[in-house]
């Protein structure tokens, strides 16, 4: 590498970097001008220009003679750096899987493997969901809609705080209409996904966090059995949101907003909390609830919840 070459770690050869640097000094140069500037044979120069174009470091004009323009270094090199980082994360994921396979082969199987790096974690998460054959249990993670279409059963327990906002509630409602079985519970102890009761995923921080760097992958073991038992115990304690799947409305006068109001009330939320989640005034929630109670011929909210459950308006 030459003294001035700095892009080798991004997969760019010394000659390619030299051509790129020449373009930075002489934007919109023609092939003949670049040959004169770099002293490279035309064949080699064309090869380097094609490589730089594939990497996104230059563009070529559609006019004649063809002119080559460099991409701004900050943007282009940032993209290359991200691509290289993804390659490293993929290699780490592959190494983790190979190491696990090695331990199984040698009789030293571990119940828990650790996947590190955000890209590798997301890939592991998606692969586990997409290869599920029967059922996925999740704590505070929504179902994959394409998996619901495949007939995979999803049982999801949402933390109350996760349903904060009309958009989130609407998305959860749509998943339920596609078949997700959804319940809500305040203060879930962890986030979790278990596929076919054969593999469990436990992130050590929210997946959306930029600092997310580790995911526990739990194989069949007493630990995984314990997580399944924990899910089932929480499922029994959690409050159903809506019945799963599409259905005929039991009481036509009730709107989707009314049913959502009943579901949130049954989950134990106060009028103030419901108003905050729906983005309306508390007085509006109180007025809507009085209307719902009238339609259900209920004198109390508890009675309204019971009648709604009997009618299949909310889960029971």
Protein backbone atom coordinates (compact mmCIF):
# COMPACT_ATOMS: atom_id res chain seq x y z
CA UNK A 1 0.00 0.00 0.00
CA UNK A 2 1.25 3.50 -0.79
CA UNK A 3 1.88 6.01 1.95
CA UNK A 4 -1.28 7.94 1.01
CA UNK A 5 -3.60 4.93 0.66
CA UNK A 6 -6.18 4.81 3.45
CA UNK A 7 -9.18 2.95 1.97
CA UNK A 8 -7.73 -0.57 1.87
CA UNK A 9 -9.73 -1.62 4.94
CA UNK A 10 -12.90 -0.91 2.94
CA UNK A 11 -11.93 -3.28 0.15
CA UNK A 12 -10.48 -0.66 -2.20
CA UNK A 13 -7.13 -1.42 -3.84
CA UNK A 14 -4.26 1.08 -3.96
CA UNK A 15 -4.72 1.65 -7.70
CA UNK A 16 -8.48 2.14 -7.31
CA UNK A 17 -7.89 4.66 -4.53
CA UNK A 18 -5.33 6.47 -6.71
CA UNK A 19 -7.90 6.74 -9.53
CA UNK A 20 -10.54 7.98 -7.09
CA UNK A 21 -8.16 10.62 -5.71
CA UNK A 22 -7.40 11.75 -9.27
CA UNK A 23 -11.10 12.16 -9.93
CA UNK A 24 -11.48 14.24 -6.76
CA UNK A 25 -8.87 16.61 -8.17
CA UNK A 26 -10.26 16.52 -11.73
CA UNK A 27 -14.03 15.94 -11.62
CA UNK A 28 -15.75 15.03 -14.90
CA UNK A 29 -12.51 13.78 -16.48
CA UNK A 30 -12.64 11.65 -19.62
CA UNK A 31 -10.97 8.27 -20.00
CA UNK A 32 -8.09 9.73 -22.01
CA UNK A 33 -7.55 12.46 -19.42
CA UNK A 34 -7.43 9.86 -16.64
CA UNK A 35 -4.94 7.74 -18.60
CA UNK A 36 -2.69 10.79 -18.87
CA UNK A 37 -3.07 11.64 -15.18
CA UNK A 38 -2.60 8.14 -13.76
CA UNK A 39 -0.24 6.58 -16.36
CA UNK A 40 -2.33 3.39 -16.16
CA UNK A 41 -3.03 1.26 -19.24
CA UNK A 42 -6.54 1.74 -20.62
CA UNK A 43 -7.59 -1.85 -19.84
CA UNK A 44 -6.55 -1.64 -16.18
CA UNK A 45 -8.04 1.83 -15.83
CA UNK A 46 -11.41 0.67 -17.19
CA UNK A 47 -11.36 -2.22 -14.71
CA UNK A 48 -10.65 0.14 -11.80
CA UNK A 49 -13.35 2.56 -12.93
CA UNK A 50 -15.90 -0.27 -13.10
CA UNK A 51 -14.92 -1.39 -9.59
CA UNK A 52 -15.28 2.15 -8.23
CA UNK A 53 -18.66 2.48 -9.91
CA UNK A 54 -19.90 -0.77 -8.31
CA UNK A 55 -18.75 0.55 -4.93
CA UNK A 56 -20.68 3.77 -5.49
CA UNK A 57 -17.57 5.95 -5.58
CA UNK A 58 -18.19 7.41 -9.03
CA UNK A 59 -20.82 7.93 -11.71
CA UNK A 60 -20.39 8.15 -15.47
CA UNK A 61 -22.18 10.48 -17.86
CA UNK A 62 -24.45 9.30 -20.66
CA UNK A 63 -22.95 11.85 -23.05
CA UNK A 64 -19.97 11.41 -25.38
CA UNK A 65 -17.17 11.43 -24.54
CA UNK A 66 -17.99 9.65 -21.30
CA UNK A 67 -16.97 11.65 -18.26
CA UNK A 68 -16.45 10.26 -14.77
CA UNK A 69 -17.54 12.16 -11.65
CA UNK A 70 -16.55 11.16 -8.09
CA UNK A 71 -19.13 10.67 -5.37
CA UNK A 72 -18.62 12.93 -2.35
CA UNK A 73 -16.12 11.12 -0.08
CA UNK A 74 -18.01 11.56 3.20
CA UNK A 75 -21.24 9.99 1.91
CA UNK A 76 -19.60 7.26 -0.20
CA UNK A 77 -17.12 6.12 2.43
CA UNK A 78 -19.81 6.10 5.13
CA UNK A 79 -21.86 3.69 3.00
CA UNK A 80 -18.80 1.48 2.42
CA UNK A 81 -18.00 1.48 6.13
CA UNK A 82 -21.56 0.41 6.97
CA UNK A 83 -21.42 -2.37 4.39
CA UNK A 84 -18.15 -3.64 5.81
CA UNK A 85 -19.60 -3.50 9.33
CA UNK A 86 -22.58 -5.58 8.19
CA UNK A 87 -20.20 -8.13 6.67
CA UNK A 88 -18.35 -8.33 9.99
CA UNK A 89 -21.61 -8.79 11.91
CA UNK A 90 -22.71 -11.53 9.50
CA UNK A 91 -19.37 -13.27 9.99
CA UNK A 92 -19.82 -13.08 13.76
CA UNK A 93 -23.29 -14.58 13.47
CA UNK A 94 -21.94 -17.40 11.32
CA UNK A 95 -19.15 -17.99 13.82
CA UNK A 96 -21.67 -18.19 16.66
CA UNK A 97 -23.77 -20.74 14.81
CA UNK A 98 -20.71 -22.80 13.82
CA UNK A 99 -19.44 -22.75 17.39
CA UNK A 100 -22.81 -24.00 18.63
CA UNK A 101 -22.76 -26.75 16.01
CA UNK A 102 -19.24 -27.69 17.07
CA UNK A 103 -20.27 -27.98 20.72
CA UNK A 104 -23.16 -30.26 19.74
CA UNK A 105 -20.85 -32.43 17.61
CA UNK A 106 -18.27 -32.74 20.36
CA UNK A 107 -20.83 -33.42 23.06
CA UNK A 108 -20.33 -30.03 24.70
CA UNK A 109 -23.68 -28.46 23.81
CA UNK A 110 -24.55 -25.30 25.69
CA UNK A 111 -28.14 -24.33 26.43
CA UNK A 112 -27.37 -20.67 25.83
CA UNK A 113 -25.52 -19.00 22.96
CA UNK A 114 -24.88 -15.28 22.68
CA UNK A 115 -25.32 -13.35 19.46
CA UNK A 116 -23.60 -9.96 19.40
CA UNK A 117 -24.01 -6.96 17.12
CA UNK A 118 -27.22 -5.28 16.02
CA UNK A 119 -27.20 -6.64 12.45
CA UNK A 120 -26.57 -10.22 13.60
CA UNK A 121 -29.25 -9.91 16.28
CA UNK A 122 -31.90 -8.72 13.82
CA UNK A 123 -31.00 -11.52 11.41
CA UNK A 124 -31.28 -14.14 14.18
CA UNK A 125 -34.59 -12.67 15.31
CA UNK A 126 -36.10 -12.70 11.82
CA UNK A 127 -34.81 -16.18 11.02
CA UNK A 128 -36.28 -17.63 14.22
CA UNK A 129 -39.71 -16.18 13.46
CA UNK A 130 -39.69 -17.15 9.79
CA UNK A 131 -38.65 -20.75 10.43
CA UNK A 132 -41.29 -21.33 13.12
CA UNK A 133 -43.58 -24.18 12.08
CA UNK A 134 -46.42 -24.05 14.63
CA UNK A 135 -46.46 -21.45 17.38
CA UNK A 136 -44.61 -18.37 18.60
CA UNK A 137 -44.98 -17.00 22.13
CA UNK A 138 -43.87 -13.41 22.65
CA UNK A 139 -43.62 -10.96 25.51
CA UNK A 140 -43.97 -7.39 24.27
CA UNK A 141 -43.12 -8.14 20.62
CA UNK A 142 -45.84 -8.07 17.92
CA UNK A 143 -46.53 -10.93 15.54
CA UNK A 144 -45.09 -11.13 12.01
CA UNK A 145 -48.06 -10.65 9.72
CA UNK A 146 -46.62 -12.90 6.99
CA UNK A 147 -46.31 -15.66 9.57
CA UNK A 148 -49.94 -15.24 10.58
CA UNK A 149 -50.87 -15.64 6.93
CA UNK A 150 -48.92 -18.92 6.91
CA UNK A 151 -51.09 -20.16 9.76
CA UNK A 152 -48.51 -19.79 12.54
CA UNK A 153 -50.18 -19.23 15.92
CA UNK A 154 -48.99 -16.13 17.77
CA UNK A 155 -49.77 -15.52 21.42
CA UNK A 156 -48.55 -12.09 22.45
CA UNK A 157 -48.57 -10.38 25.82
CA UNK A 158 -48.08 -6.63 25.49
CA UNK A 159 -46.83 -4.49 28.31
CA UNK A 160 -49.30 -1.69 29.05
CA UNK A 161 -46.63 0.90 28.27
CA UNK A 162 -46.14 -0.60 24.78
CA UNK A 163 -49.72 0.33 23.82
CA UNK A 164 -49.12 4.02 24.42
CA UNK A 165 -50.57 5.85 21.44
CA UNK A 166 -53.36 5.51 18.89
CA UNK A 167 -51.02 4.32 16.11
CA UNK A 168 -49.62 1.48 18.24
CA UNK A 169 -53.10 0.41 19.32
CA UNK A 170 -54.35 0.44 15.74
CA UNK A 171 -51.42 -1.74 14.63
CA UNK A 172 -52.09 -4.18 17.48
CA UNK A 173 -55.78 -4.31 16.55
CA UNK A 174 -54.91 -5.09 12.91
CA UNK A 175 -52.66 -7.98 13.99
CA UNK A 176 -55.47 -9.39 16.12
CA UNK A 177 -57.82 -9.21 13.14
CA UNK A 178 -55.21 -11.23 11.22
CA UNK A 179 -55.18 -13.91 13.93
CA UNK A 180 -52.82 -12.82 16.69
CA UNK A 181 -54.02 -13.70 20.19
CA UNK A 182 -53.22 -10.60 22.23
CA UNK A 183 -53.32 -9.87 25.94
CA UNK A 184 -51.98 -7.02 28.04
CA UNK A 185 -50.25 -6.94 31.42
CA UNK A 186 -48.64 -4.17 33.42
CA UNK A 187 -44.95 -4.55 34.23
CA UNK A 188 -43.68 -7.50 32.16
CA UNK A 189 -40.41 -8.77 33.65
CA UNK A 190 -38.59 -9.19 30.30
CA UNK A 191 -38.99 -9.27 26.53
CA UNK A 192 -39.02 -12.69 24.96
CA UNK A 193 -39.86 -14.81 21.91
CA UNK A 194 -40.17 -18.61 21.91
CA UNK A 195 -40.62 -20.48 18.62
CA UNK A 196 -42.22 -23.95 18.65
CA UNK A 197 -41.07 -24.27 22.30
CA UNK A 198 -37.72 -25.27 20.81
CA UNK A 199 -35.76 -22.02 20.76
CA UNK A 200 -36.00 -18.90 22.89
CA UNK A 201 -34.68 -15.40 22.26
CA UNK A 202 -34.06 -12.98 25.12
CA UNK A 203 -32.57 -9.57 24.23
CA UNK A 204 -30.47 -7.92 26.90
CA UNK A 205 -31.79 -4.53 25.76
CA UNK A 206 -34.61 -3.39 23.43
CA UNK A 207 -33.89 -4.35 19.83
CA UNK A 208 -34.51 -0.78 18.71
CA UNK A 209 -31.80 0.56 20.97
CA UNK A 210 -28.61 1.69 19.18
CA UNK A 211 -26.66 0.20 22.08
CA UNK A 212 -28.18 -3.24 21.58
CA UNK A 213 -25.28 -5.68 21.34
CA UNK A 214 -26.33 -9.04 22.81
CA UNK A 215 -29.12 -11.56 22.33
CA UNK A 216 -29.40 -14.81 24.25
CA UNK A 217 -30.37 -17.78 22.07
CA UNK A 218 -31.70 -20.54 24.33
CA UNK A 219 -31.83 -24.14 23.09
CA UNK A 220 -34.07 -26.94 24.48
CA UNK A 221 -33.22 -27.17 28.17
CA UNK A 222 -34.63 -26.75 31.66
CA UNK A 223 -34.07 -23.00 31.21
CA UNK A 224 -36.23 -22.90 28.09
CA UNK A 225 -38.90 -25.00 29.84
CA UNK A 226 -38.86 -22.45 32.66
CA UNK A 227 -39.36 -19.56 30.21
CA UNK A 228 -42.32 -21.36 28.63
CA UNK A 229 -43.81 -21.89 32.10
CA UNK A 230 -43.26 -18.20 32.89
CA UNK A 231 -45.05 -17.19 29.71
CA UNK A 232 -48.01 -19.43 30.49
CA UNK A 233 -48.28 -18.02 34.02
CA UNK A 234 -48.20 -14.46 32.69
CA UNK A 235 -50.74 -15.40 30.01
CA UNK A 236 -53.19 -16.51 32.69
CA UNK A 237 -52.73 -13.21 34.55
CA UNK A 238 -52.94 -11.01 31.45
CA UNK A 239 -56.14 -9.40 30.20
CA UNK A 240 -57.38 -10.26 26.69
CA UNK A 241 -57.63 -7.29 24.37
CA UNK A 242 -59.88 -8.45 21.53
CA UNK A 243 -61.11 -11.79 20.17
CA UNK A 244 -58.77 -13.14 17.49
CA UNK A 245 -59.63 -13.06 13.80
CA UNK A 246 -62.29 -11.40 11.72
CA UNK A 247 -65.85 -11.72 13.00
CA UNK A 248 -69.39 -10.39 12.69
CA UNK A 249 -69.89 -7.46 15.05
CA UNK A 250 -72.02 -8.70 17.97
CA UNK A 251 -73.49 -5.26 18.61
CA UNK A 252 -73.56 -3.20 15.40
CA UNK A 253 -73.98 0.08 17.26
CA UNK A 254 -70.51 -0.31 18.80
CA UNK A 255 -67.68 1.18 16.77
CA UNK A 256 -64.05 0.03 16.64
CA UNK A 257 -63.25 2.93 18.97
CA UNK A 258 -65.89 1.71 21.44
CA UNK A 259 -64.44 -1.81 21.43
CA UNK A 260 -60.95 -0.43 21.95
CA UNK A 261 -62.24 1.62 24.87
CA UNK A 262 -63.74 -1.51 26.43
CA UNK A 263 -60.53 -3.47 25.91
CA UNK A 264 -58.37 -0.82 27.55
CA UNK A 265 -60.78 -0.43 30.43
CA UNK A 266 -60.83 -4.20 30.95
CA UNK A 267 -57.02 -4.12 31.00
CA UNK A 268 -57.21 -1.91 34.07
CA UNK A 269 -56.30 1.46 32.57
CA UNK A 270 -57.76 4.58 34.12
CA UNK A 271 -59.71 7.11 32.07
CA UNK A 272 -56.70 9.40 32.23
CA UNK A 273 -54.38 6.68 30.89
CA UNK A 274 -56.86 5.72 28.17
CA UNK A 275 -57.21 9.35 27.10
CA UNK A 276 -53.43 9.69 26.90
CA UNK A 277 -53.14 6.57 24.72
CA UNK A 278 -55.99 7.61 22.43
CA UNK A 279 -54.85 11.20 22.19
CA UNK A 280 -58.19 12.63 23.36
CA UNK A 281 -59.45 14.51 26.41
CA UNK A 282 -60.36 12.55 29.55
CA UNK A 283 -63.87 14.04 29.32
CA UNK A 284 -64.22 12.47 25.85
CA UNK A 285 -63.31 9.05 27.26
CA UNK A 286 -65.87 9.43 30.05
CA UNK A 287 -68.60 10.45 27.56
CA UNK A 288 -67.82 7.53 25.23
CA UNK A 289 -67.82 5.08 28.13
CA UNK A 290 -71.26 6.26 29.27
CA UNK A 291 -72.54 5.67 25.73
CA UNK A 292 -71.01 2.17 25.64
CA UNK A 293 -72.54 1.29 29.02
CA UNK A 294 -75.93 2.40 27.74
CA UNK A 295 -75.63 0.24 24.62
CA UNK A 296 -74.64 -2.76 26.78
CA UNK A 297 -77.45 -2.06 29.28
CA UNK A 298 -74.84 -1.98 32.04
CA UNK A 299 -75.01 0.09 35.21
CA UNK A 300 -71.30 -0.30 36.07
CA UNK A 301 -68.09 -0.64 34.09
CA UNK A 302 -67.50 -4.07 35.58
CA UNK A 303 -70.92 -5.16 34.33
CA UNK A 304 -70.12 -3.65 30.92
CA UNK A 305 -66.90 -5.68 30.77
CA UNK A 306 -68.72 -8.92 31.61
CA UNK A 307 -71.41 -8.35 29.00
CA UNK A 308 -68.82 -7.38 26.39
CA UNK A 309 -66.92 -10.61 27.10
CA UNK A 310 -70.10 -12.70 26.78
CA UNK A 311 -70.84 -11.06 23.44
CA UNK A 312 -67.28 -11.72 22.26
CA UNK A 313 -66.58 -8.00 21.93
CA UNK A 314 -63.47 -8.32 24.10
CA UNK A 315 -61.49 -11.43 24.96
CA UNK A 316 -62.59 -13.57 27.85
